[in-house]
PDB file of N, CA and C in Angstrom:
ATOM      1  N   MET A   1     -93.103 -87.797  -8.477  1.00  0.00           N
ATOM      2  CA  MET A   1     -92.737 -86.409  -8.623  1.00  0.00           C
ATOM      3  C   MET A   1     -93.922 -85.659  -9.240  1.00  0.00           C
ATOM      4  N   VAL A   2     -94.153 -84.463  -8.756  1.00  0.00           N
ATOM      5  CA  VAL A   2     -95.277 -83.649  -9.220  1.00  0.00           C
ATOM      6  C   VAL A   2     -94.860 -82.865 -10.459  1.00  0.00           C
ATOM      7  N   ASP A   3     -95.745 -82.786 -11.424  1.00  0.00           N
ATOM      8  CA  ASP A   3     -95.472 -82.060 -12.655  1.00  0.00           C
ATOM      9  C   ASP A   3     -95.405 -80.562 -12.376  1.00  0.00           C
ATOM     10  N   LYS A   4     -94.485 -79.876 -13.067  1.00  0.00           N
ATOM     11  CA  LYS A   4     -94.306 -78.437 -12.827  1.00  0.00           C
ATOM     12  C   LYS A   4     -95.540 -77.640 -13.238  1.00  0.00           C
ATOM     13  N   ASN A   5     -96.295 -78.118 -14.210  1.00  0.00           N
ATOM     14  CA  ASN A   5     -97.521 -77.421 -14.604  1.00  0.00           C
ATOM     15  C   ASN A   5     -98.543 -77.422 -13.481  1.00  0.00           C
ATOM     16  N   TYR A   6     -98.585 -78.502 -12.717  1.00  0.00           N
ATOM     17  CA  TYR A   6     -99.500 -78.564 -11.584  1.00  0.00           C
ATOM     18  C   TYR A   6     -99.132 -77.507 -10.548  1.00  0.00           C
ATOM     19  N   VAL A   7     -97.843 -77.412 -10.245  1.00  0.00           N
ATOM     20  CA  VAL A   7     -97.378 -76.448  -9.249  1.00  0.00           C
ATOM     21  C   VAL A   7     -97.627 -75.018  -9.734  1.00  0.00           C
ATOM     22  N   GLU A   8     -97.229 -74.727 -10.964  1.00  0.00           N
ATOM     23  CA  GLU A   8     -97.420 -73.378 -11.503  1.00  0.00           C
ATOM     24  C   GLU A   8     -98.901 -73.011 -11.584  1.00  0.00           C
ATOM     25  N   GLY A   9     -99.733 -73.943 -11.968  1.00  0.00           N
ATOM     26  CA  GLY A   9    -101.164 -73.693 -12.053  1.00  0.00           C
ATOM     27  C   GLY A   9    -101.782 -73.417 -10.698  1.00  0.00           C
ATOM     28  N   THR A  10    -101.348 -74.169  -9.700  1.00  0.00           N
ATOM     29  CA  THR A  10    -101.849 -73.957  -8.346  1.00  0.00           C
ATOM     30  C   THR A  10    -101.456 -72.574  -7.841  1.00  0.00           C
ATOM     31  N   VAL A  11    -100.225 -72.162  -8.132  1.00  0.00           N
ATOM     32  CA  VAL A  11     -99.766 -70.826  -7.729  1.00  0.00           C
ATOM     33  C   VAL A  11    -100.586 -69.749  -8.442  1.00  0.00           C
ATOM     34  N   GLN A  12    -100.817 -69.927  -9.744  1.00  0.00           N
ATOM     35  CA  GLN A  12    -101.600 -68.936 -10.497  1.00  0.00           C
ATOM     36  C   GLN A  12    -103.033 -68.850  -9.969  1.00  0.00           C
ATOM     37  N   ASP A  13    -103.594 -69.969  -9.579  1.00  0.00           N
ATOM     38  CA  ASP A  13    -104.931 -69.980  -9.006  1.00  0.00           C
ATOM     39  C   ASP A  13    -104.947 -69.167  -7.711  1.00  0.00           C
ATOM     40  N   ALA A  14    -103.963 -69.385  -6.856  1.00  0.00           N
ATOM     41  CA  ALA A  14    -103.890 -68.650  -5.595  1.00  0.00           C
ATOM     42  C   ALA A  14    -103.691 -67.154  -5.832  1.00  0.00           C
ATOM     43  N   VAL A  15    -102.820 -66.804  -6.768  1.00  0.00           N
ATOM     44  CA  VAL A  15    -102.594 -65.392  -7.090  1.00  0.00           C
ATOM     45  C   VAL A  15    -103.889 -64.766  -7.614  1.00  0.00           C
ATOM     46  N   GLY A  16    -104.613 -65.505  -8.422  1.00  0.00           N
ATOM     47  CA  GLY A  16    -105.884 -65.018  -8.939  1.00  0.00           C
ATOM     48  C   GLY A  16    -106.906 -64.780  -7.839  1.00  0.00           C
ATOM     49  N   GLN A  17    -106.917 -65.649  -6.838  1.00  0.00           N
ATOM     50  CA  GLN A  17    -107.843 -65.467  -5.716  1.00  0.00           C
ATOM     51  C   GLN A  17    -107.511 -64.191  -4.938  1.00  0.00           C
ATOM     52  N   VAL A  18    -106.203 -63.964  -4.729  1.00  0.00           N
ATOM     53  CA  VAL A  18    -105.780 -62.744  -4.038  1.00  0.00           C
ATOM     54  C   VAL A  18    -106.142 -61.517  -4.875  1.00  0.00           C
ATOM     55  N   GLU A  19    -105.878 -61.591  -6.174  1.00  0.00           N
ATOM     56  CA  GLU A  19    -106.174 -60.472  -7.058  1.00  0.00           C
ATOM     57  C   GLU A  19    -107.672 -60.163  -7.065  1.00  0.00           C
ATOM     58  N   GLU A  20    -108.495 -61.206  -7.066  1.00  0.00           N
ATOM     59  CA  GLU A  20    -109.936 -61.001  -7.033  1.00  0.00           C
ATOM     60  C   GLU A  20    -110.357 -60.342  -5.721  1.00  0.00           C
ATOM     61  N   ALA A  21    -109.807 -60.807  -4.606  1.00  0.00           N
ATOM     62  CA  ALA A  21    -110.145 -60.229  -3.295  1.00  0.00           C
ATOM     63  C   ALA A  21    -109.733 -58.759  -3.216  1.00  0.00           C
ATOM     64  N   VAL A  22    -108.559 -58.437  -3.758  1.00  0.00           N
ATOM     65  CA  VAL A  22    -108.101 -57.045  -3.774  1.00  0.00           C
ATOM     66  C   VAL A  22    -109.032 -56.213  -4.650  1.00  0.00           C
ATOM     67  N   GLY A  23    -109.496 -56.779  -5.752  1.00  0.00           N
ATOM     68  CA  GLY A  23    -110.429 -56.079  -6.625  1.00  0.00           C
ATOM     69  C   GLY A  23    -111.735 -55.770  -5.925  1.00  0.00           C
ATOM     70  N   TYR A  24    -112.222 -56.730  -5.122  1.00  0.00           N
ATOM     71  CA  TYR A  24    -113.442 -56.474  -4.358  1.00  0.00           C
ATOM     72  C   TYR A  24    -113.206 -55.370  -3.332  1.00  0.00           C
ATOM     73  N   ALA A  25    -112.076 -55.459  -2.621  1.00  0.00           N
ATOM     74  CA  ALA A  25    -111.772 -54.478  -1.580  1.00  0.00           C
ATOM     75  C   ALA A  25    -111.591 -53.077  -2.168  1.00  0.00           C
ATOM     76  N   ALA A  26    -110.971 -52.999  -3.332  1.00  0.00           N
ATOM     77  CA  ALA A  26    -110.712 -51.703  -3.962  1.00  0.00           C
ATOM     78  C   ALA A  26    -111.891 -51.223  -4.801  1.00  0.00           C
ATOM     79  N   GLY A  27    -112.872 -52.081  -5.002  1.00  0.00           N
ATOM     80  CA  GLY A  27    -114.010 -51.710  -5.840  1.00  0.00           C
ATOM     81  C   GLY A  27    -113.645 -51.634  -7.312  1.00  0.00           C
ATOM     82  N   SER A  28    -112.690 -52.474  -7.730  1.00  0.00           N
ATOM     83  CA  SER A  28    -112.218 -52.465  -9.109  1.00  0.00           C
ATOM     84  C   SER A  28    -112.726 -53.696  -9.852  1.00  0.00           C
ATOM     85  N   PRO A  29    -113.735 -53.521 -10.725  1.00  0.00           N
ATOM     86  CA  PRO A  29    -114.252 -54.675 -11.472  1.00  0.00           C
ATOM     87  C   PRO A  29    -113.195 -55.292 -12.388  1.00  0.00           C
ATOM     88  N   GLY A  30    -112.298 -54.469 -12.933  1.00  0.00           N
ATOM     89  CA  GLY A  30    -111.248 -54.991 -13.812  1.00  0.00           C
ATOM     90  C   GLY A  30    -110.326 -55.953 -13.085  1.00  0.00           C
ATOM     91  N   ALA A  31    -109.944 -55.598 -11.858  1.00  0.00           N
ATOM     92  CA  ALA A  31    -109.062 -56.471 -11.067  1.00  0.00           C
ATOM     93  C   ALA A  31    -109.777 -57.755 -10.688  1.00  0.00           C
ATOM     94  N   ARG A  32    -111.073 -57.646 -10.381  1.00  0.00           N
ATOM     95  CA  ARG A  32    -111.842 -58.861 -10.050  1.00  0.00           C
ATOM     96  C   ARG A  32    -111.889 -59.806 -11.238  1.00  0.00           C
ATOM     97  N   ILE A  33    -112.143 -59.238 -12.420  1.00  0.00           N
ATOM     98  CA  ILE A  33    -112.223 -60.066 -13.633  1.00  0.00           C
ATOM     99  C   ILE A  33    -110.867 -60.685 -13.947  1.00  0.00           C
ATOM    100  N   GLU A  34    -109.798 -59.898 -13.838  1.00  0.00           N
ATOM    101  CA  GLU A  34    -108.453 -60.448 -14.081  1.00  0.00           C
ATOM    102  C   GLU A  34    -108.137 -61.563 -13.094  1.00  0.00           C
ATOM    103  N   GLY A  35    -108.564 -61.380 -11.844  1.00  0.00           N
ATOM    104  CA  GLY A  35    -108.351 -62.426 -10.843  1.00  0.00           C
ATOM    105  C   GLY A  35    -109.081 -63.708 -11.197  1.00  0.00           C
ATOM    106  N   LYS A  36    -110.330 -63.574 -11.636  1.00  0.00           N
ATOM    107  CA  LYS A  36    -111.111 -64.756 -12.040  1.00  0.00           C
ATOM    108  C   LYS A  36    -110.469 -65.455 -13.237  1.00  0.00           C
ATOM    109  N   VAL A  37    -110.019 -64.654 -14.208  1.00  0.00           N
ATOM    110  CA  VAL A  37    -109.389 -65.232 -15.403  1.00  0.00           C
ATOM    111  C   VAL A  37    -108.109 -65.968 -15.011  1.00  0.00           C
ATOM    112  N   ARG A  38    -107.317 -65.357 -14.127  1.00  0.00           N
ATOM    113  CA  ARG A  38    -106.069 -66.000 -13.689  1.00  0.00           C
ATOM    114  C   ARG A  38    -106.380 -67.295 -12.936  1.00  0.00           C
ATOM    115  N   GLN A  39    -107.449 -67.290 -12.151  1.00  0.00           N
ATOM    116  CA  GLN A  39    -107.839 -68.512 -11.434  1.00  0.00           C
ATOM    117  C   GLN A  39    -108.208 -69.615 -12.411  1.00  0.00           C
ATOM    118  N   MET A  40    -109.016 -69.282 -13.414  1.00  0.00           N
ATOM    119  CA  MET A  40    -109.424 -70.291 -14.398  1.00  0.00           C
ATOM    120  C   MET A  40    -108.219 -70.829 -15.156  1.00  0.00           C
ATOM    121  N   ALA A  41    -107.304 -69.947 -15.543  1.00  0.00           N
ATOM    122  CA  ALA A  41    -106.106 -70.399 -16.254  1.00  0.00           C
ATOM    123  C   ALA A  41    -105.253 -71.278 -15.355  1.00  0.00           C
ATOM    124  N   GLY A  42    -105.134 -70.893 -14.096  1.00  0.00           N
ATOM    125  CA  GLY A  42    -104.361 -71.692 -13.150  1.00  0.00           C
ATOM    126  C   GLY A  42    -104.964 -73.066 -12.934  1.00  0.00           C
ATOM    127  N   LYS A  43    -106.283 -73.124 -12.816  1.00  0.00           N
ATOM    128  CA  LYS A  43    -106.951 -74.424 -12.628  1.00  0.00           C
ATOM    129  C   LYS A  43    -106.775 -75.311 -13.859  1.00  0.00           C
ATOM    130  N   ALA A  44    -106.847 -74.704 -15.036  1.00  0.00           N
ATOM    131  CA  ALA A  44    -106.647 -75.480 -16.262  1.00  0.00           C
ATOM    132  C   ALA A  44    -105.227 -76.018 -16.346  1.00  0.00           C
ATOM    133  N   GLN A  45    -104.254 -75.178 -15.996  1.00  0.00           N
ATOM    134  CA  GLN A  45    -102.855 -75.610 -16.038  1.00  0.00           C
ATOM    135  C   GLN A  45    -102.599 -76.698 -15.003  1.00  0.00           C
ATOM    136  N   ALA A  46    -103.184 -76.562 -13.823  1.00  0.00           N
ATOM    137  CA  ALA A  46    -103.015 -77.585 -12.791  1.00  0.00           C
ATOM    138  C   ALA A  46    -103.653 -78.905 -13.221  1.00  0.00           C
ATOM    139  N   ALA A  47    -104.818 -78.835 -13.862  1.00  0.00           N
ATOM    140  CA  ALA A  47    -105.472 -80.056 -14.354  1.00  0.00           C
ATOM    141  C   ALA A  47    -104.612 -80.738 -15.410  1.00  0.00           C
ATOM    142  N   TYR A  48    -104.012 -79.936 -16.290  1.00  0.00           N
ATOM    143  CA  TYR A  48    -103.100 -80.492 -17.294  1.00  0.00           C
ATOM    144  C   TYR A  48    -101.927 -81.187 -16.607  1.00  0.00           C
ATOM    145  N   GLY A  49    -101.380 -80.559 -15.583  1.00  0.00           N
ATOM    146  CA  GLY A  49    -100.262 -81.154 -14.853  1.00  0.00           C
ATOM    147  C   GLY A  49    -100.639 -82.462 -14.184  1.00  0.00           C
ATOM    148  N   ARG A  50    -101.838 -82.515 -13.584  1.00  0.00           N
ATOM    149  CA  ARG A  50    -102.298 -83.765 -12.970  1.00  0.00           C
ATOM    150  C   ARG A  50    -102.473 -84.854 -14.015  1.00  0.00           C
ATOM    151  N   ALA A  51    -103.042 -84.500 -15.161  1.00  0.00           N
ATOM    152  CA  ALA A  51    -103.254 -85.483 -16.232  1.00  0.00           C
ATOM    153  C   ALA A  51    -101.915 -85.996 -16.758  1.00  0.00           C
ATOM    154  N   PHE A  52    -100.976 -85.092 -16.979  1.00  0.00           N
ATOM    155  CA  PHE A  52     -99.662 -85.488 -17.479  1.00  0.00           C
ATOM    156  C   PHE A  52     -98.961 -86.394 -16.484  1.00  0.00           C
ATOM    157  N   ASP A  53     -99.077 -86.083 -15.201  1.00  0.00           N
ATOM    158  CA  ASP A  53     -98.471 -86.905 -14.160  1.00  0.00           C
ATOM    159  C   ASP A  53     -99.083 -88.299 -14.157  1.00  0.00           C
ATOM    160  N   GLY A  54    -100.409 -88.374 -14.333  1.00  0.00           N
ATOM    161  CA  GLY A  54    -101.085 -89.674 -14.374  1.00  0.00           C
ATOM    162  C   GLY A  54    -100.653 -90.508 -15.564  1.00  0.00           C
ATOM    163  N   VAL A  55    -100.521 -89.874 -16.721  1.00  0.00           N
ATOM    164  CA  VAL A  55    -100.077 -90.578 -17.928  1.00  0.00           C
ATOM    165  C   VAL A  55     -98.650 -91.074 -17.748  1.00  0.00           C
ATOM    166  N   SER A  56     -97.822 -90.247 -17.141  1.00  0.00           N
ATOM    167  CA  SER A  56     -96.426 -90.627 -16.902  1.00  0.00           C
ATOM    168  C   SER A  56     -96.333 -91.852 -15.989  1.00  0.00           C
ATOM    169  N   LYS A  57     -97.134 -91.858 -14.931  1.00  0.00           N
ATOM    170  CA  LYS A  57     -97.130 -93.002 -14.008  1.00  0.00           C
ATOM    171  C   LYS A  57     -97.639 -94.260 -14.699  1.00  0.00           C
ATOM    172  N   THR A  58     -98.701 -94.119 -15.494  1.00  0.00           N
ATOM    173  CA  THR A  58     -99.251 -95.268 -16.211  1.00  0.00           C
ATOM    174  C   THR A  58     -98.238 -95.813 -17.207  1.00  0.00           C
ATOM    175  N   SER A  59     -97.534 -94.930 -17.891  1.00  0.00           N
ATOM    176  CA  SER A  59     -96.514 -95.348 -18.844  1.00  0.00           C
ATOM    177  C   SER A  59     -95.403 -96.134 -18.149  1.00  0.00           C
ATOM    178  N   THR A  60     -94.991 -95.661 -16.993  1.00  0.00           N
ATOM    179  CA  THR A  60     -93.954 -96.360 -16.231  1.00  0.00           C
ATOM    180  C   THR A  60     -94.449 -97.743 -15.802  1.00  0.00           C
ATOM    181  N   GLN A  61     -95.690 -97.820 -15.365  1.00  0.00           N
ATOM    182  CA  GLN A  61     -96.254 -99.106 -14.955  1.00  0.00           C
ATOM    183  C   GLN A  61     -96.345-100.070 -16.137  1.00  0.00           C
ATOM    184  N   MET A  62     -96.713 -99.561 -17.309  1.00  0.00           N
ATOM    185  CA  MET A  62     -96.802-100.411 -18.499  1.00  0.00           C
ATOM    186  C   MET A  62     -95.421-100.933 -18.896  1.00  0.00           C
ATOM    187  N   ARG A  63     -94.397-100.076 -18.828  1.00  0.00           N
ATOM    188  CA  ARG A  63     -93.040-100.528 -19.152  1.00  0.00           C
ATOM    189  C   ARG A  63     -92.591-101.618 -18.193  1.00  0.00           C
ATOM    190  N   THR A  64     -92.869-101.440 -16.916  1.00  0.00           N
ATOM    191  CA  THR A  64     -92.478-102.432 -15.920  1.00  0.00           C
ATOM    192  C   THR A  64     -93.211-103.755 -16.166  1.00  0.00           C
ATOM    193  N   ALA A  65     -94.505-103.687 -16.430  1.00  0.00           N
ATOM    194  CA  ALA A  65     -95.281-104.905 -16.681  1.00  0.00           C
ATOM    195  C   ALA A  65     -94.794-105.611 -17.942  1.00  0.00           C
ATOM    196  N   THR A  66     -94.433-104.834 -18.962  1.00  0.00           N
ATOM    197  CA  THR A  66     -93.948-105.424 -20.212  1.00  0.00           C
ATOM    198  C   THR A  66     -92.620-106.137 -20.000  1.00  0.00           C
ATOM    199  N   LYS A  67     -91.759-105.579 -19.169  1.00  0.00           N
ATOM    200  CA  LYS A  67     -90.467-106.225 -18.885  1.00  0.00           C
ATOM    201  C   LYS A  67     -90.656-107.545 -18.154  1.00  0.00           C
ATOM    202  N   HIS A  68     -91.615-107.583 -17.219  1.00  0.00           N
ATOM    203  CA  HIS A  68     -91.802-108.781 -16.407  1.00  0.00           C
ATOM    204  C   HIS A  68     -92.658-109.843 -17.088  1.00  0.00           C
ATOM    205  N   ARG A  69     -93.540-109.428 -17.998  1.00  0.00           N
ATOM    206  CA  ARG A  69     -94.429-110.376 -18.684  1.00  0.00           C
ATOM    207  C   ARG A  69     -94.495-110.047 -20.170  1.00  0.00           C
ATOM    208  N   PRO A  70     -93.427-110.312 -20.911  1.00  0.00           N
ATOM    209  CA  PRO A  70     -93.410-109.917 -22.325  1.00  0.00           C
ATOM    210  C   PRO A  70     -94.436-110.665 -23.182  1.00  0.00           C
ATOM    211  N   LEU A  71     -94.692-111.929 -22.906  1.00  0.00           N
ATOM    212  CA  LEU A  71     -95.657-112.670 -23.718  1.00  0.00           C
ATOM    213  C   LEU A  71     -97.085-112.166 -23.498  1.00  0.00           C
ATOM    214  N   SER A  72     -97.403-111.849 -22.266  1.00  0.00           N
ATOM    215  CA  SER A  72     -98.732-111.289 -21.984  1.00  0.00           C
ATOM    216  C   SER A  72     -98.903-109.954 -22.674  1.00  0.00           C
ATOM    217  N   ALA A  73     -97.843-109.144 -22.659  1.00  0.00           N
ATOM    218  CA  ALA A  73     -97.901-107.833 -23.313  1.00  0.00           C
ATOM    219  C   ALA A  73     -98.062-107.994 -24.820  1.00  0.00           C
ATOM    220  N   LEU A  74     -97.370-108.968 -25.389  1.00  0.00           N
ATOM    221  CA  LEU A  74     -97.482-109.221 -26.823  1.00  0.00           C
ATOM    222  C   LEU A  74     -98.894-109.681 -27.184  1.00  0.00           C
ATOM    223  N   PHE A  75     -99.451-110.575 -26.371  1.00  0.00           N
ATOM    224  CA  PHE A  75    -100.815-111.046 -26.604  1.00  0.00           C
ATOM    225  C   PHE A  75    -101.807-109.889 -26.512  1.00  0.00           C
ATOM    226  N   LEU A  76    -101.662-109.044 -25.494  1.00  0.00           N
ATOM    227  CA  LEU A  76    -102.564-107.911 -25.318  1.00  0.00           C
ATOM    228  C   LEU A  76    -102.461-106.939 -26.497  1.00  0.00           C
ATOM    229  N   ALA A  77    -101.244-106.650 -26.935  1.00  0.00           N
ATOM    230  CA  ALA A  77    -101.055-105.747 -28.078  1.00  0.00           C
ATOM    231  C   ALA A  77    -101.695-106.345 -29.340  1.00  0.00           C
ATOM    232  N   GLY A  78    -101.546-107.643 -29.532  1.00  0.00           N
ATOM    233  CA  GLY A  78    -102.159-108.296 -30.687  1.00  0.00           C
ATOM    234  C   GLY A  78    -103.674-108.244 -30.624  1.00  0.00           C
ATOM    235  N   ALA A  79    -104.230-108.462 -29.441  1.00  0.00           N
ATOM    236  CA  ALA A  79    -105.685-108.423 -29.279  1.00  0.00           C
ATOM    237  C   ALA A  79    -106.220-107.018 -29.549  1.00  0.00           C
ATOM    238  N   VAL A  80    -105.530-106.006 -29.031  1.00  0.00           N
ATOM    239  CA  VAL A  80    -105.955-104.628 -29.275  1.00  0.00           C
ATOM    240  C   VAL A  80    -105.864-104.307 -30.766  1.00  0.00           C
ATOM    241  N   GLY A  81    -104.801-104.739 -31.410  1.00  0.00           N
ATOM    242  CA  GLY A  81    -104.656-104.522 -32.844  1.00  0.00           C
ATOM    243  C   GLY A  81    -105.747-105.199 -33.641  1.00  0.00           C
ATOM    244  N   PHE A  82    -106.097-106.407 -33.242  1.00  0.00           N
ATOM    245  CA  PHE A  82    -107.162-107.137 -33.924  1.00  0.00           C
ATOM    246  C   PHE A  82    -108.498-106.406 -33.796  1.00  0.00           C
ATOM    247  N   VAL A  83    -108.814-105.974 -32.582  1.00  0.00           N
ATOM    248  CA  VAL A  83    -110.081-105.275 -32.350  1.00  0.00           C
ATOM    249  C   VAL A  83    -110.116-103.973 -33.132  1.00  0.00           C
ATOM    250  N   LEU A  84    -109.042-103.214 -33.101  1.00  0.00           N
ATOM    251  CA  LEU A  84    -109.004-101.956 -33.854  1.00  0.00           C
ATOM    252  C   LEU A  84    -109.109-102.211 -35.356  1.00  0.00           C
ATOM    253  N   GLY A  85    -108.478-103.277 -35.823  1.00  0.00           N
ATOM    254  CA  GLY A  85    -108.577-103.641 -37.232  1.00  0.00           C
ATOM    255  C   GLY A  85    -109.998-103.999 -37.630  1.00  0.00           C
ATOM    256  N   ARG A  86    -110.682-104.732 -36.769  1.00  0.00           N
ATOM    257  CA  ARG A  86    -112.077-105.111 -37.048  1.00  0.00           C
ATOM    258  C   ARG A  86    -112.984-103.892 -37.050  1.00  0.00           C
ATOM    259  N   MET A  87    -112.677-102.921 -36.197  1.00  0.00           N
ATOM    260  CA  MET A  87    -113.508-101.719 -36.108  1.00  0.00           C
ATOM    261  C   MET A  87    -113.344-100.838 -37.352  1.00  0.00           C
ATOM    262  N   SER A  88    -112.174-100.922 -37.978  1.00  0.00           N
ATOM    263  CA  SER A  88    -111.920-100.043 -39.118  1.00  0.00           C
ATOM    264  C   SER A  88    -112.315-100.655 -40.457  1.00  0.00           C
ATOM    265  N   VAL A  89    -112.771-101.895 -40.452  1.00  0.00           N
ATOM    266  CA  VAL A  89    -113.174-102.544 -41.701  1.00  0.00           C
ATOM    267  C   VAL A  89    -114.483-101.922 -42.166  1.00  0.00           C
ATOM    268  N   HIS A  90    -114.517-101.562 -43.444  1.00  0.00           N
ATOM    269  CA  HIS A  90    -115.725-100.983 -44.016  1.00  0.00           C
ATOM    270  C   HIS A  90    -116.652-102.097 -44.482  1.00  0.00           C
ATOM    271  N   ARG A  91    -117.888-101.990 -44.183  1.00  0.00           N
ATOM    272  CA  ARG A  91    -118.831-103.033 -44.572  1.00  0.00           C
ATOM    273  C   ARG A  91    -119.582-102.647 -45.794  1.00  0.00           C
TER     274      ARG A  91
END
């Protein structure tokens, strides 16, 4: 399933492109700038949506792997904890 931020961001990007084109046609620098700003905001929101969707999928995959291989997951968590613990030791 696609994240709603991705969809909304894509729509805002498209609206911004139209607004920019209308600004060029009308000779309105303000409309062109608003269109560019809306495009940038839309692209940022869409990128956030893609990232959130990726994290969600990875989380689901990790839960599934943990259910099927609990000992491997426990070993991996212990190894990560050990490495992080070693990194935080002050010398």
